[in-house]
């Protein structure tokens, strides 16, 4: 693993890479309020062992990347999409296979629509279709919505970590045990590395995607794989199914019993699906 801080256009984007840079590049985009550490190091190493050059990065206001005052994000959703290409440019990579989780999957969708020549394939995990009216979709889990209504003190380490432990417990799937101790230890490490989660609350602006991309998904011509847990309480499976159904020739894979998570028990299935998708797209 090696790190690279990309400084461009007045922004610093912290990145790490795994594997041989001569192998096909695979860029990982994580979801809202989550640093690149939410792509576990072992997960990244296993992907790299499949013959891929894997890159993960901290989006703005997370991890070690540029931070803005709480409530005053100096960026929009479109900037988050362009950051994908800033990372690739920082590595001198013209195009890459992209994997996005949750909000990262939405960023990946628009990246594929905006600059398809730079996106060799897209894997969207536990995400929602961009530019689609989802108001009639099954609602998110009631317990999780009730938890989301509670205000956390993001400046307080103990309160922020406790809040997120409960959040991750509520968004976990039904098929695998929830590792509370391991989750707490990870969140404490992530909090300390980033200097706190207060600025990460700015990520709410990333859900303001705008009208530009409404009704555009059927224009996507990038090979698409959609992975979605059948017990996802944040984006119920209808979100993933609709995304796959809207994009021509997309493949949909259910993670049985999976939640809104990258559970270690599902890594082999997820990594194998990504590897096969990347290999298949390279043969097209």
Protein backbone atom coordinates (compact mmCIF):
# COMPACT_ATOMS: atom_id res chain seq x y z
CA UNK A 1 0.00 0.00 0.00
CA UNK A 2 1.28 3.48 -0.84
CA UNK A 3 -0.20 6.92 -0.28
CA UNK A 4 -0.44 9.93 -2.58
CA UNK A 5 -1.83 13.38 -1.72
CA UNK A 6 -3.22 14.91 -4.88
CA UNK A 7 -3.14 18.71 -4.89
CA UNK A 8 -5.06 20.33 -7.73
CA UNK A 9 -7.51 23.18 -8.29
CA UNK A 10 -7.07 24.32 -4.71
CA UNK A 11 -8.11 20.92 -3.31
CA UNK A 12 -6.18 18.21 -1.51
CA UNK A 13 -7.41 14.64 -2.02
CA UNK A 14 -5.78 11.93 0.08
CA UNK A 15 -5.42 8.61 -1.71
CA UNK A 16 -3.90 5.16 -1.24
CA UNK A 17 -3.15 2.49 -3.82
CA UNK A 18 -2.70 -1.27 -3.75
CA UNK A 19 -1.09 -3.59 -6.25
CA UNK A 20 0.78 -3.18 -9.50
CA UNK A 21 0.19 0.13 -11.35
CA UNK A 22 0.65 -1.73 -14.62
CA UNK A 23 -2.54 -3.71 -13.94
CA UNK A 24 -6.04 -2.45 -14.88
CA UNK A 25 -6.96 0.44 -12.54
CA UNK A 26 -9.90 0.15 -10.17
CA UNK A 27 -11.05 3.30 -8.36
CA UNK A 28 -13.17 2.94 -5.20
CA UNK A 29 -15.62 5.70 -4.16
CA UNK A 30 -17.10 5.49 -0.66
CA UNK A 31 -20.42 6.88 0.58
CA UNK A 32 -21.48 9.90 2.60
CA UNK A 33 -19.56 10.87 5.76
CA UNK A 34 -17.22 7.94 5.17
CA UNK A 35 -13.48 8.14 4.59
CA UNK A 36 -11.59 5.78 2.34
CA UNK A 37 -10.94 3.57 5.38
CA UNK A 38 -14.51 2.34 5.00
CA UNK A 39 -13.07 0.38 2.07
CA UNK A 40 -11.19 -2.02 4.41
CA UNK A 41 -7.50 -2.50 3.70
CA UNK A 42 -7.86 -6.27 3.45
CA UNK A 43 -10.77 -5.86 1.00
CA UNK A 44 -8.55 -3.64 -1.17
CA UNK A 45 -5.66 -6.09 -0.99
CA UNK A 46 -7.86 -8.97 -2.09
CA UNK A 47 -9.07 -6.97 -5.07
CA UNK A 48 -5.47 -6.12 -5.96
CA UNK A 49 -4.54 -9.80 -5.76
CA UNK A 50 -6.99 -10.41 -8.62
CA UNK A 51 -4.63 -8.44 -10.87
CA UNK A 52 -6.03 -4.95 -10.37
CA UNK A 53 -4.40 -1.65 -9.41
CA UNK A 54 -6.76 -0.51 -6.65
CA UNK A 55 -7.10 3.12 -5.54
CA UNK A 56 -9.19 4.43 -2.67
CA UNK A 57 -9.50 8.08 -1.63
CA UNK A 58 -10.98 10.43 0.94
CA UNK A 59 -13.71 12.58 -0.51
CA UNK A 60 -13.67 16.22 0.54
CA UNK A 61 -14.63 16.76 4.19
CA UNK A 62 -13.57 13.22 5.10
CA UNK A 63 -10.33 11.63 6.22
CA UNK A 64 -7.27 13.69 5.35
CA UNK A 65 -8.71 15.54 2.35
CA UNK A 66 -9.63 19.23 2.24
CA UNK A 67 -12.19 20.24 4.86
CA UNK A 68 -14.61 23.14 4.96
CA UNK A 69 -16.40 24.89 7.85
CA UNK A 70 -19.49 22.98 9.00
CA UNK A 71 -22.53 24.17 7.10
CA UNK A 72 -20.39 25.89 4.44
CA UNK A 73 -19.19 23.26 1.99
CA UNK A 74 -17.12 24.78 -0.78
CA UNK A 75 -18.28 22.25 -3.33
CA UNK A 76 -21.30 20.61 -4.97
CA UNK A 77 -22.21 17.14 -6.16
CA UNK A 78 -20.70 18.03 -9.55
CA UNK A 79 -17.39 18.80 -7.84
CA UNK A 80 -17.49 15.37 -6.18
CA UNK A 81 -17.90 13.83 -9.65
CA UNK A 82 -15.01 15.86 -11.03
CA UNK A 83 -12.88 14.75 -8.05
CA UNK A 84 -13.08 11.24 -9.50
CA UNK A 85 -11.22 12.49 -12.55
CA UNK A 86 -8.87 14.61 -10.43
CA UNK A 87 -7.79 11.43 -8.65
CA UNK A 88 -7.25 9.61 -11.93
CA UNK A 89 -5.30 12.58 -13.31
CA UNK A 90 -3.16 12.60 -10.17
CA UNK A 91 -2.10 9.03 -10.98
CA UNK A 92 -1.72 9.75 -14.68
CA UNK A 93 -4.54 7.32 -15.48
CA UNK A 94 -6.71 8.16 -18.53
CA UNK A 95 -9.57 5.83 -17.59
CA UNK A 96 -10.46 3.26 -14.95
CA UNK A 97 -12.99 0.77 -13.69
CA UNK A 98 -15.05 2.41 -10.94
CA UNK A 99 -16.70 0.88 -7.88
CA UNK A 100 -19.00 3.07 -5.80
CA UNK A 101 -20.78 2.32 -2.54
CA UNK A 102 -24.03 4.10 -1.58
CA UNK A 103 -23.52 7.81 -2.34
CA UNK A 104 -20.29 6.78 -4.05
CA UNK A 105 -22.40 4.73 -6.43
CA UNK A 106 -24.38 7.85 -7.34
CA UNK A 107 -21.15 9.75 -7.96
CA UNK A 108 -20.03 6.86 -10.15
CA UNK A 109 -23.26 6.89 -12.16
CA UNK A 110 -22.86 10.54 -13.06
CA UNK A 111 -19.15 10.10 -13.78
CA UNK A 112 -20.11 7.38 -16.28
CA UNK A 113 -22.72 9.64 -17.87
CA UNK A 114 -20.56 12.76 -17.89
CA UNK A 115 -17.31 11.27 -19.19
CA UNK A 116 -17.93 7.71 -20.41
CA UNK A 117 -14.55 7.64 -22.13
CA UNK A 118 -12.92 7.73 -18.69
CA UNK A 119 -15.06 5.00 -17.08
CA UNK A 120 -14.25 1.52 -18.35
CA UNK A 121 -16.92 -0.10 -16.20
CA UNK A 122 -19.04 0.75 -13.17
CA UNK A 123 -19.96 -1.39 -10.18
CA UNK A 124 -22.64 0.18 -8.00
CA UNK A 125 -23.10 -1.27 -4.51
CA UNK A 126 -26.04 -0.52 -2.19
CA UNK A 127 -26.95 2.63 -4.07
CA UNK A 128 -29.91 4.43 -5.64
CA UNK A 129 -30.57 5.32 -9.29
CA UNK A 130 -29.67 8.92 -10.12
CA UNK A 131 -32.33 11.08 -11.75
CA UNK A 132 -35.16 8.65 -11.01
CA UNK A 133 -38.26 9.45 -8.94
CA UNK A 134 -37.91 7.09 -5.97
CA UNK A 135 -40.77 8.54 -3.90
CA UNK A 136 -42.95 5.50 -4.61
CA UNK A 137 -40.23 2.99 -3.71
CA UNK A 138 -40.49 0.96 -0.50
CA UNK A 139 -39.47 3.18 2.44
CA UNK A 140 -36.24 2.89 4.37
CA UNK A 141 -36.34 0.86 7.58
CA UNK A 142 -38.38 2.50 10.32
CA UNK A 143 -35.84 1.89 13.08
CA UNK A 144 -33.07 3.40 11.00
CA UNK A 145 -35.20 6.44 10.10
CA UNK A 146 -35.97 6.99 13.78
CA UNK A 147 -32.27 6.83 14.55
CA UNK A 148 -31.51 9.32 11.77
CA UNK A 149 -33.92 11.77 13.39
CA UNK A 150 -31.71 11.88 16.49
CA UNK A 151 -29.10 14.65 16.58
CA UNK A 152 -25.54 13.55 17.35
CA UNK A 153 -22.79 15.80 18.67
CA UNK A 154 -20.31 15.24 15.85
CA UNK A 155 -17.64 17.26 17.65
CA UNK A 156 -17.66 14.83 20.59
CA UNK A 157 -15.71 11.62 19.97
CA UNK A 158 -17.70 9.41 22.33
CA UNK A 159 -21.09 10.66 21.16
CA UNK A 160 -20.21 10.49 17.45
CA UNK A 161 -18.78 6.98 17.73
CA UNK A 162 -21.73 5.72 19.79
CA UNK A 163 -24.17 7.19 17.27
CA UNK A 164 -22.42 5.55 14.33
CA UNK A 165 -22.10 2.19 16.08
CA UNK A 166 -25.88 2.18 16.42
CA UNK A 167 -26.29 3.41 12.84
CA UNK A 168 -24.17 0.56 11.51
CA UNK A 169 -25.98 -1.97 13.67
CA UNK A 170 -29.32 -0.81 12.24
CA UNK A 171 -28.08 -0.88 8.65
CA UNK A 172 -26.43 -4.29 8.91
CA UNK A 173 -28.00 -7.28 7.21
CA UNK A 174 -29.76 -10.26 8.69
CA UNK A 175 -27.44 -13.04 7.59
CA UNK A 176 -24.21 -12.10 9.37
CA UNK A 177 -23.30 -11.30 13.00
CA UNK A 178 -22.66 -7.65 13.87
CA UNK A 179 -19.21 -7.07 15.34
CA UNK A 180 -19.90 -4.24 17.79
CA UNK A 181 -16.45 -4.20 19.39
CA UNK A 182 -14.66 -4.24 16.04
CA UNK A 183 -16.99 -1.58 14.66
CA UNK A 184 -16.37 0.70 17.64
CA UNK A 185 -12.60 0.29 17.38
CA UNK A 186 -12.70 1.11 13.66
CA UNK A 187 -14.84 4.21 14.17
CA UNK A 188 -12.54 5.50 16.90
CA UNK A 189 -9.57 5.08 14.58
CA UNK A 190 -11.41 6.77 11.71
CA UNK A 191 -12.52 9.67 13.95
CA UNK A 192 -8.98 10.22 15.22
CA UNK A 193 -7.43 10.06 11.74
CA UNK A 194 -9.86 12.61 10.31
CA UNK A 195 -9.74 14.97 13.27
CA UNK A 196 -13.46 14.49 13.82
CA UNK A 197 -16.65 14.12 11.83
CA UNK A 198 -18.04 17.64 12.14
CA UNK A 199 -17.06 18.75 8.62
CA UNK A 200 -18.30 15.46 7.18
CA UNK A 201 -21.86 16.63 7.89
CA UNK A 202 -21.35 18.85 4.84
CA UNK A 203 -21.84 15.73 2.74
CA UNK A 204 -25.57 16.40 2.89
CA UNK A 205 -24.92 18.74 -0.06
CA UNK A 206 -23.88 15.73 -2.15
CA UNK A 207 -27.47 14.52 -2.22
CA UNK A 208 -28.43 17.72 -4.09
CA UNK A 209 -27.83 16.15 -7.48
CA UNK A 210 -29.96 18.54 -9.50
CA UNK A 211 -32.10 18.30 -12.60
CA UNK A 212 -29.23 17.94 -15.08
CA UNK A 213 -29.23 14.17 -14.71
CA UNK A 214 -32.96 13.54 -14.44
CA UNK A 215 -34.10 10.78 -16.79
CA UNK A 216 -30.60 10.28 -18.19
CA UNK A 217 -29.72 6.80 -16.89
CA UNK A 218 -30.89 5.08 -20.06
CA UNK A 219 -28.11 6.96 -21.88
CA UNK A 220 -25.41 5.10 -19.95
CA UNK A 221 -23.26 2.98 -22.25
CA UNK A 222 -20.68 1.92 -19.66
CA UNK A 223 -20.84 -1.75 -18.56
CA UNK A 224 -22.77 -1.75 -15.27
CA UNK A 225 -22.88 -4.24 -12.41
CA UNK A 226 -25.28 -3.60 -9.53
CA UNK A 227 -24.78 -5.37 -6.20
CA UNK A 228 -27.45 -4.99 -3.55
CA UNK A 229 -28.23 -6.61 -0.21
CA UNK A 230 -31.70 -8.10 0.03
CA UNK A 231 -32.06 -6.70 3.57
CA UNK A 232 -30.73 -3.19 2.90
CA UNK A 233 -32.76 -0.85 5.17
CA UNK A 234 -31.33 2.38 3.71
CA UNK A 235 -31.98 1.75 0.02
CA UNK A 236 -34.30 -1.27 -0.23
CA UNK A 237 -33.50 -3.60 -3.15
CA UNK A 238 -35.96 -1.84 -5.47
CA UNK A 239 -33.35 0.92 -5.82
CA UNK A 240 -30.71 -1.43 -7.17
CA UNK A 241 -33.18 -3.37 -9.28
CA UNK A 242 -34.43 -0.17 -10.90
CA UNK A 243 -30.90 1.01 -11.64
CA UNK A 244 -30.03 -2.30 -13.32
CA UNK A 245 -33.30 -2.38 -15.24
CA UNK A 246 -32.86 1.17 -16.54
CA UNK A 247 -29.34 0.74 -17.92
CA UNK A 248 -29.06 -1.45 -21.00
CA UNK A 249 -27.35 -4.82 -20.47
CA UNK A 250 -26.69 -4.13 -16.77
CA UNK A 251 -26.28 -7.10 -14.46
CA UNK A 252 -27.98 -7.28 -11.05
CA UNK A 253 -26.63 -9.48 -8.25
CA UNK A 254 -28.40 -9.95 -4.93
CA UNK A 255 -26.38 -10.29 -1.74
CA UNK A 256 -28.72 -12.59 0.16
CA UNK A 257 -29.44 -11.24 3.64
CA UNK A 258 -26.98 -8.39 3.11
CA UNK A 259 -27.61 -4.92 4.49
CA UNK A 260 -26.18 -1.52 3.70
CA UNK A 261 -22.66 -2.70 4.33
CA UNK A 262 -19.52 -4.42 3.14
CA UNK A 263 -19.63 -7.32 5.58
CA UNK A 264 -16.46 -9.46 5.59
CA UNK A 265 -18.65 -12.52 5.21
CA UNK A 266 -19.75 -11.22 1.81
CA UNK A 267 -16.34 -10.05 0.57
CA UNK A 268 -15.58 -13.12 -1.51
CA UNK A 269 -18.90 -12.88 -3.35
CA UNK A 270 -18.52 -9.13 -3.88
CA UNK A 271 -14.88 -9.27 -4.96
CA UNK A 272 -15.51 -12.17 -7.34
CA UNK A 273 -18.44 -10.35 -8.92
CA UNK A 274 -16.36 -7.19 -9.40
CA UNK A 275 -13.45 -9.17 -10.83
CA UNK A 276 -15.68 -10.99 -13.31
CA UNK A 277 -17.39 -7.75 -14.32
CA UNK A 278 -14.08 -5.99 -14.93
CA UNK A 279 -12.73 -8.95 -16.92
CA UNK A 280 -15.93 -9.16 -18.99
CA UNK A 281 -15.91 -5.43 -19.76
CA UNK A 282 -12.31 -5.65 -20.94
CA UNK A 283 -13.35 -8.24 -23.52
CA UNK A 284 -16.16 -6.13 -24.99
